[in-house]
Amino acid sequence: MTNSPSHRPSAALLAIACLVCAVALGACGTKQDALSPAGAKRFTVMLDFFPNADHAALYSAIAHGDFRAVGLDVQPETPADPAEPLKLLAAGKVDMAISYEPELLLARDAGLKVVSIGALVQRPLTSIIALEGKHVTRVADLAGKRVGTAGIAYQTAELRSALQHAGVTPSSVRETNVGFNLIPAMLSGRVDATIGGFWNYEAIQLRLAHKRTTVIPVDQAGVPTYDELVLAVRDDEAHTRGQDLRAFLQALTRGEREVRVNPAAASRQLVLANPTLEPKLQLESIKQTLRATQPAAQGKPFGWQEPSAWAAFGTWMFSQKLLAHDPGAGLPPFTNEFLPGQGL
């Protein structure tokens, strides 16, 4: 989403971002890539939503005993309210929260002391989706049409930026808050398109229902790329629990490899965790999501967070007035310190 204000990162933000890998947030001492503590320590992870394909690596690592092998008894928890994970994390109710890069930046802007230690999904899933028959094959075709949103401020900003990038006057588009009823709003004809659905979930759901669609991920519509899902911890624990965090990410990396080798088994594990899931949809979603779980940069480990991408997206959020404070003015919002092969 390129906006009329420049989205080029400030020099200060870029400098901080490029140095972030050299900043040791964890008091890990020497790097320990082989960890096998004798006892399993309880480690709670608050999900961003109900268990789904985005969490396949987590549930695979649990099922295969990868976390226990490094001394962690990982317990996923489902939030009663999807807006709560980072608040619960900051309050000390859980050890880790899965959230979204935009949400983490918003939380930090509001004063929550949280930091991302790894990317679970490394590019945007959020997309503009339209059903065939609405004559939307590109962003420019949204002019004069009704677009449903989930009422999330940064997604509204993404839509506005995408329209401007396509040369469309945002006021020519009628934005309608449909909450999380994105698919029903399209199927009923209430809106011509939506923004907020994921290309690895809602788009697949529609395809499996034999609906032909146009799907435009926001990072293909002029929005700076970002990590859709990140793993957040409290700032203080990034300083004091380096060994646990490094162990968690090592086990999660094994889980991701297991998903890649056997997506069907990973799908079955998810359905066991959440019997309300539709197995065919989950399996297809896992297969499609695999391409978004690997870093764009060659040679980087699973979970890698690209400094320049964080800088650009943080600057974009600030330019959109989504953030009151320049995210480059303080400590970096993320670290790669605890990823396998990284750190001191």
Protein backbone atom coordinates (compact mmCIF):
# COMPACT_ATOMS: atom_id res chain seq x y z
CA MET A 1 0.00 0.00 0.00
CA THR A 2 1.88 3.00 -1.12
CA ASN A 3 0.44 6.19 0.20
CA SER A 4 0.88 9.76 -1.01
CA PRO A 5 3.16 10.55 1.97
CA SER A 6 6.56 8.98 1.43
CA HIS A 7 6.85 5.48 2.90
CA ARG A 8 10.64 5.50 2.74
CA PRO A 9 12.04 4.58 6.18
CA SER A 10 13.69 7.34 8.13
CA ALA A 11 17.46 7.11 8.52
CA ALA A 12 17.10 6.59 12.25
CA LEU A 13 14.62 3.76 11.81
CA LEU A 14 16.73 2.04 9.19
CA ALA A 15 19.81 2.36 11.34
CA ILE A 16 18.04 0.78 14.29
CA ALA A 17 16.54 -1.96 12.13
CA CYS A 18 19.80 -2.88 10.49
CA LEU A 19 21.53 -3.09 13.84
CA VAL A 20 18.77 -5.08 15.50
CA CYS A 21 20.41 -8.42 14.92
CA ALA A 22 23.45 -7.17 16.77
CA VAL A 23 21.36 -6.10 19.75
CA ALA A 24 21.28 -8.95 22.25
CA LEU A 25 17.92 -8.66 23.97
CA GLY A 26 18.42 -12.02 25.61
CA ALA A 27 20.88 -12.71 28.37
CA CYS A 28 21.86 -15.94 26.70
CA GLY A 29 25.60 -15.74 27.02
CA THR A 30 27.02 -18.25 24.61
CA LYS A 31 24.73 -19.56 21.89
CA GLN A 32 23.26 -22.93 22.81
CA ASP A 33 21.64 -24.64 19.86
CA ALA A 34 21.34 -28.02 21.57
CA LEU A 35 19.22 -27.75 24.67
CA SER A 36 17.81 -30.67 26.62
CA PRO A 37 16.91 -29.68 30.20
CA ALA A 38 15.94 -32.53 32.46
CA GLY A 39 12.46 -31.30 33.44
CA ALA A 40 9.68 -29.91 31.28
CA LYS A 41 8.78 -26.33 32.21
CA ARG A 42 5.21 -25.15 31.60
CA PHE A 43 5.13 -22.54 28.83
CA THR A 44 1.78 -21.01 27.85
CA VAL A 45 1.17 -19.64 24.36
CA MET A 46 -1.90 -17.49 23.71
CA LEU A 47 -3.09 -17.97 20.13
CA ASP A 48 -4.33 -15.08 18.02
CA PHE A 49 -7.53 -16.97 17.16
CA PHE A 50 -8.88 -20.52 17.21
CA PRO A 51 -6.37 -23.25 16.20
CA ASN A 52 -5.98 -23.25 12.42
CA ALA A 53 -3.48 -23.84 9.64
CA ASP A 54 -1.40 -20.81 10.65
CA HIS A 55 -0.54 -22.72 13.85
CA ALA A 56 0.40 -25.99 12.18
CA ALA A 57 4.07 -25.83 13.18
CA LEU A 58 3.15 -25.27 16.83
CA TYR A 59 0.77 -28.22 17.02
CA SER A 60 3.13 -30.45 15.06
CA ALA A 61 5.97 -29.69 17.48
CA ILE A 62 3.67 -30.49 20.41
CA ALA A 63 2.47 -33.76 18.85
CA HIS A 64 6.00 -34.92 18.02
CA GLY A 65 7.38 -34.09 21.46
CA ASP A 66 9.77 -31.47 20.09
CA PHE A 67 9.07 -28.99 22.89
CA ARG A 68 9.42 -31.61 25.62
CA ALA A 69 12.74 -32.63 24.09
CA VAL A 70 14.06 -29.16 24.92
CA GLY A 71 12.45 -29.04 28.35
CA LEU A 72 9.24 -27.14 27.64
CA ASP A 73 5.66 -28.19 28.30
CA VAL A 74 3.97 -25.92 25.75
CA GLN A 75 0.27 -25.28 26.38
CA PRO A 76 -1.66 -23.33 23.69
CA GLU A 77 -4.61 -21.24 24.86
CA THR A 78 -7.41 -19.81 22.71
CA PRO A 79 -8.39 -16.20 23.45
CA ALA A 80 -11.96 -15.37 24.41
CA ASP A 81 -11.44 -12.11 22.52
CA PRO A 82 -8.99 -11.89 19.57
CA ALA A 83 -8.04 -8.37 20.75
CA GLU A 84 -6.71 -9.67 24.09
CA PRO A 85 -3.53 -11.76 23.48
CA LEU A 86 -0.97 -8.95 23.72
CA LYS A 87 -2.74 -7.40 26.72
CA LEU A 88 -2.73 -10.75 28.51
CA LEU A 89 0.94 -11.20 27.64
CA ALA A 90 1.87 -7.76 28.97
CA ALA A 91 -0.09 -8.49 32.16
CA GLY A 92 1.98 -11.64 32.74
CA LYS A 93 -0.90 -14.06 32.19
CA VAL A 94 0.91 -16.06 29.49
CA ASP A 95 4.51 -16.64 28.44
CA MET A 96 4.05 -15.84 24.75
CA ALA A 97 1.35 -14.48 22.46
CA ILE A 98 0.84 -15.03 18.75
CA SER A 99 -0.26 -11.76 17.20
CA TYR A 100 0.10 -9.65 14.06
CA GLU A 101 2.94 -7.27 13.27
CA PRO A 102 0.54 -4.29 12.98
CA GLU A 103 -1.06 -5.19 16.31
CA LEU A 104 2.33 -5.49 18.00
CA LEU A 105 3.35 -2.04 16.74
CA LEU A 106 0.03 -0.62 17.95
CA ALA A 107 0.47 -2.28 21.36
CA ARG A 108 3.97 -0.87 21.77
CA ASP A 109 2.71 2.55 20.70
CA ALA A 110 0.16 2.30 23.52
CA GLY A 111 2.93 1.54 26.01
CA LEU A 112 2.84 -2.26 26.27
CA LYS A 113 6.33 -3.68 26.85
CA VAL A 114 6.29 -6.48 24.27
CA VAL A 115 8.68 -7.53 21.52
CA SER A 116 8.54 -10.00 18.62
CA ILE A 117 11.12 -12.79 18.65
CA GLY A 118 10.10 -14.58 15.44
CA ALA A 119 7.72 -14.60 12.50
CA LEU A 120 5.27 -17.48 12.25
CA VAL A 121 3.92 -16.28 8.89
CA GLN A 122 6.36 -14.06 7.07
CA ARG A 123 4.24 -12.11 4.63
CA PRO A 124 0.75 -10.61 4.57
CA LEU A 125 -2.21 -12.96 4.31
CA THR A 126 -4.70 -10.08 4.37
CA SER A 127 -6.24 -9.64 0.93
CA ILE A 128 -8.80 -7.81 -1.14
CA ILE A 129 -11.28 -10.49 -2.28
CA ALA A 130 -14.13 -10.19 -4.79
CA LEU A 131 -16.50 -12.75 -6.26
CA GLU A 132 -16.73 -13.31 -9.98
CA GLY A 133 -19.56 -11.24 -11.41
CA LYS A 134 -18.58 -8.09 -9.54
CA HIS A 135 -16.16 -7.19 -12.33
CA VAL A 136 -13.21 -6.70 -10.01
CA THR A 137 -9.97 -8.04 -11.43
CA ARG A 138 -7.65 -5.31 -10.09
CA VAL A 139 -7.70 -2.66 -7.39
CA ALA A 140 -8.67 0.07 -9.86
CA ASP A 141 -11.95 -1.76 -10.49
CA LEU A 142 -13.09 -0.94 -6.95
CA ALA A 143 -13.93 2.64 -7.96
CA GLY A 144 -17.62 3.25 -7.29
CA LYS A 145 -18.07 -0.09 -5.53
CA ARG A 146 -18.88 -1.18 -1.98
CA VAL A 147 -16.03 -2.74 0.01
CA GLY A 148 -16.63 -4.55 3.28
CA THR A 149 -14.12 -4.33 6.10
CA ALA A 150 -13.81 -5.93 9.54
CA GLY A 151 -13.66 -2.51 11.18
CA ILE A 152 -9.90 -2.74 11.82
CA ALA A 153 -8.22 0.65 11.46
CA TYR A 154 -5.02 -0.53 9.82
CA GLN A 155 -6.95 -2.56 7.25
CA THR A 156 -8.94 0.54 6.37
CA ALA A 157 -5.61 2.32 5.92
CA GLU A 158 -4.41 -0.56 3.75
CA LEU A 159 -7.49 -0.19 1.55
CA ARG A 160 -7.00 3.57 1.28
CA SER A 161 -3.35 3.18 0.34
CA ALA A 162 -4.13 0.44 -2.20
CA LEU A 163 -6.72 2.68 -3.85
CA GLN A 164 -4.32 5.61 -4.00
CA HIS A 165 -1.60 3.36 -5.39
CA ALA A 166 -4.04 2.29 -8.14
CA GLY A 167 -5.00 5.89 -8.90
CA VAL A 168 -8.48 5.60 -7.35
CA THR A 169 -9.91 8.37 -5.19
CA PRO A 170 -10.69 6.67 -1.85
CA SER A 171 -13.90 8.67 -1.41
CA SER A 172 -15.27 7.01 -4.55
CA VAL A 173 -15.38 3.68 -2.70
CA ARG A 174 -18.16 3.00 -0.20
CA GLU A 175 -16.57 1.29 2.78
CA THR A 176 -18.89 -0.83 4.94
CA ASN A 177 -18.02 -2.35 8.31
CA VAL A 178 -19.32 -5.94 8.17
CA GLY A 179 -17.36 -7.16 11.18
CA PHE A 180 -16.00 -10.66 10.71
CA ASN A 181 -18.86 -11.61 8.36
CA LEU A 182 -16.73 -11.02 5.29
CA ILE A 183 -17.82 -14.05 3.29
CA PRO A 184 -21.56 -13.74 4.10
CA ALA A 185 -21.42 -10.06 3.11
CA MET A 186 -20.05 -11.01 -0.30
CA LEU A 187 -22.35 -13.98 -0.84
CA SER A 188 -25.43 -11.93 0.05
CA GLY A 189 -24.43 -9.13 -2.31
CA ARG A 190 -24.22 -6.61 0.52
CA VAL A 191 -20.73 -5.64 -0.70
CA ASP A 192 -18.86 -6.04 -3.97
CA ALA A 193 -15.53 -6.93 -2.36
CA THR A 194 -13.90 -7.18 1.05
CA ILE A 195 -10.56 -6.48 2.68
CA GLY A 196 -9.52 -8.46 5.73
CA GLY A 197 -9.95 -12.03 4.54
CA PHE A 198 -6.86 -14.20 4.13
CA TRP A 199 -5.69 -15.66 0.84
CA ASN A 200 -4.82 -18.87 2.71
CA TYR A 201 -8.22 -19.27 4.36
CA GLU A 202 -11.29 -17.32 3.21
CA ALA A 203 -10.13 -17.42 -0.42
CA ILE A 204 -9.69 -21.20 -0.21
CA GLN A 205 -13.02 -21.56 1.59
CA LEU A 206 -14.74 -19.82 -1.31
CA ARG A 207 -12.90 -21.90 -3.89
CA LEU A 208 -13.88 -25.14 -2.16
CA ALA A 209 -17.47 -23.87 -2.30
CA HIS A 210 -16.99 -23.57 -6.09
CA LYS A 211 -16.94 -19.78 -6.06
CA ARG A 212 -14.61 -18.06 -8.51
CA THR A 213 -12.79 -15.11 -6.99
CA THR A 214 -10.25 -12.36 -7.51
CA VAL A 215 -7.73 -12.34 -4.65
CA ILE A 216 -5.21 -9.50 -4.26
CA PRO A 217 -2.86 -9.75 -1.24
CA VAL A 218 -2.27 -6.27 0.18
CA ASP A 219 1.49 -6.43 -0.39
CA GLN A 220 0.73 -6.85 -4.10
CA ALA A 221 -1.44 -3.73 -3.98
CA GLY A 222 1.21 -1.26 -2.86
CA VAL A 223 1.27 -1.92 0.87
CA PRO A 224 4.74 -2.48 2.37
CA THR A 225 5.19 -6.14 3.22
CA TYR A 226 5.02 -7.27 6.84
CA ASP A 227 4.94 -10.43 8.95
CA GLU A 228 1.31 -11.46 9.26
CA LEU A 229 1.84 -13.47 12.45
CA VAL A 230 4.60 -12.98 15.00
CA LEU A 231 5.64 -14.51 18.32
CA ALA A 232 5.64 -11.91 21.07
CA VAL A 233 7.11 -11.97 24.57
CA ARG A 234 7.53 -9.37 27.30
CA ASP A 235 10.55 -7.10 27.02
CA ASP A 236 11.86 -8.07 30.45
CA GLU A 237 11.67 -11.78 29.68
CA ALA A 238 13.56 -11.24 26.45
CA HIS A 239 16.37 -10.18 28.79
CA THR A 240 16.00 -12.96 31.36
CA ARG A 241 14.60 -16.06 29.60
CA GLY A 242 16.90 -16.35 26.63
CA GLN A 243 17.44 -20.08 27.09
CA ASP A 244 13.71 -20.85 27.14
CA LEU A 245 13.03 -18.66 24.12
CA ARG A 246 15.89 -20.18 22.13
CA ALA A 247 14.66 -23.67 23.04
CA PHE A 248 11.09 -22.80 22.01
CA LEU A 249 12.18 -21.56 18.59
CA GLN A 250 14.42 -24.58 18.00
CA ALA A 251 11.49 -26.92 18.69
CA LEU A 252 9.11 -24.82 16.60
CA THR A 253 11.56 -25.01 13.70
CA ARG A 254 11.44 -28.80 13.92
CA GLY A 255 7.65 -28.62 13.93
CA GLU A 256 7.67 -26.52 10.76
CA ARG A 257 9.89 -29.10 9.04
CA GLU A 258 7.49 -31.85 10.06
CA VAL A 259 4.57 -29.92 8.58
CA ARG A 260 6.48 -29.51 5.33
CA VAL A 261 7.24 -33.23 5.15
CA ASN A 262 3.70 -34.38 5.99
CA PRO A 263 0.98 -31.71 5.66
CA ALA A 264 -1.77 -34.35 6.01
CA ALA A 265 -0.50 -35.44 9.42
CA ALA A 266 -0.26 -31.80 10.50
CA SER A 267 -3.85 -31.26 9.39
CA ARG A 268 -5.05 -34.22 11.45
CA GLN A 269 -3.29 -32.83 14.53
CA LEU A 270 -5.05 -29.50 14.09
CA VAL A 271 -8.44 -31.15 13.74
CA LEU A 272 -7.79 -33.11 16.92
CA ALA A 273 -7.04 -29.82 18.67
CA ASN A 274 -10.11 -28.14 17.17
CA PRO A 275 -12.77 -30.67 16.03
CA THR A 276 -14.91 -27.87 14.56
CA LEU A 277 -12.41 -27.47 11.72
CA GLU A 278 -13.25 -28.75 8.24
CA PRO A 279 -10.43 -31.22 7.42
CA LYS A 280 -10.30 -30.56 3.67
CA LEU A 281 -10.09 -26.80 4.19
CA GLN A 282 -7.35 -27.15 6.82
CA LEU A 283 -5.20 -29.42 4.67
CA GLU A 284 -5.45 -27.12 1.66
CA SER A 285 -4.78 -24.10 3.86
CA ILE A 286 -1.66 -25.73 5.33
CA LYS A 287 -0.33 -26.53 1.86
CA GLN A 288 -0.92 -22.98 0.65
CA THR A 289 0.52 -21.40 3.80
CA LEU A 290 3.84 -23.23 3.55
CA ARG A 291 5.10 -20.71 0.99
CA ALA A 292 4.52 -17.90 3.47
CA THR A 293 6.44 -19.51 6.33
CA GLN A 294 9.88 -19.20 4.79
CA PRO A 295 12.03 -16.05 4.71
CA ALA A 296 12.38 -14.29 1.37
CA ALA A 297 16.12 -13.93 2.00
CA GLN A 298 18.09 -17.08 1.25
CA GLY A 299 20.04 -18.65 4.07
CA LYS A 300 17.92 -17.18 6.85
CA PRO A 301 16.28 -19.45 9.46
CA PHE A 302 12.59 -20.12 9.90
CA GLY A 303 11.17 -17.23 11.89
CA TRP A 304 13.51 -14.62 10.41
CA GLN A 305 12.26 -11.04 10.58
CA GLU A 306 13.66 -8.80 7.85
CA PRO A 307 14.92 -5.51 9.37
CA SER A 308 14.29 -3.38 6.28
CA ALA A 309 10.71 -4.70 5.97
CA TRP A 310 9.94 -3.88 9.61
CA ALA A 311 11.41 -0.42 9.09
CA ALA A 312 9.32 0.26 5.98
CA PHE A 313 6.09 -1.01 7.47
CA GLY A 314 6.59 0.86 10.74
CA THR A 315 7.18 4.06 8.79
CA TRP A 316 4.03 3.39 6.74
CA MET A 317 1.93 2.95 9.90
CA PHE A 318 3.34 6.19 11.31
CA SER A 319 2.64 8.02 8.03
CA GLN A 320 -0.95 6.76 8.15
CA LYS A 321 -1.32 8.23 11.66
CA LEU A 322 -2.01 4.78 13.04
CA LEU A 323 0.85 5.31 15.49
CA ALA A 324 1.31 8.35 17.70
CA HIS A 325 5.04 7.76 18.05
CA ASP A 326 7.70 7.04 15.44
CA PRO A 327 8.52 3.33 15.98
CA GLY A 328 12.15 4.09 15.09
CA ALA A 329 12.58 6.41 18.04
CA GLY A 330 12.90 3.73 20.74
CA LEU A 331 14.09 0.17 21.15
CA PRO A 332 13.50 -2.07 18.12
CA PRO A 333 10.09 -3.83 18.11
CA PHE A 334 11.65 -7.18 17.19
CA THR A 335 14.80 -9.26 17.52
CA ASN A 336 16.20 -12.28 15.67
CA GLU A 337 18.50 -13.01 18.62
CA PHE A 338 16.85 -16.27 19.64
CA LEU A 339 16.43 -17.93 16.23
CA PRO A 340 18.54 -21.03 15.56
CA GLY A 341 22.02 -20.05 14.44
CA GLN A 342 21.59 -16.41 15.47
CA GLY A 343 22.73 -14.38 18.48
CA LEU A 344 25.95 -14.53 20.42
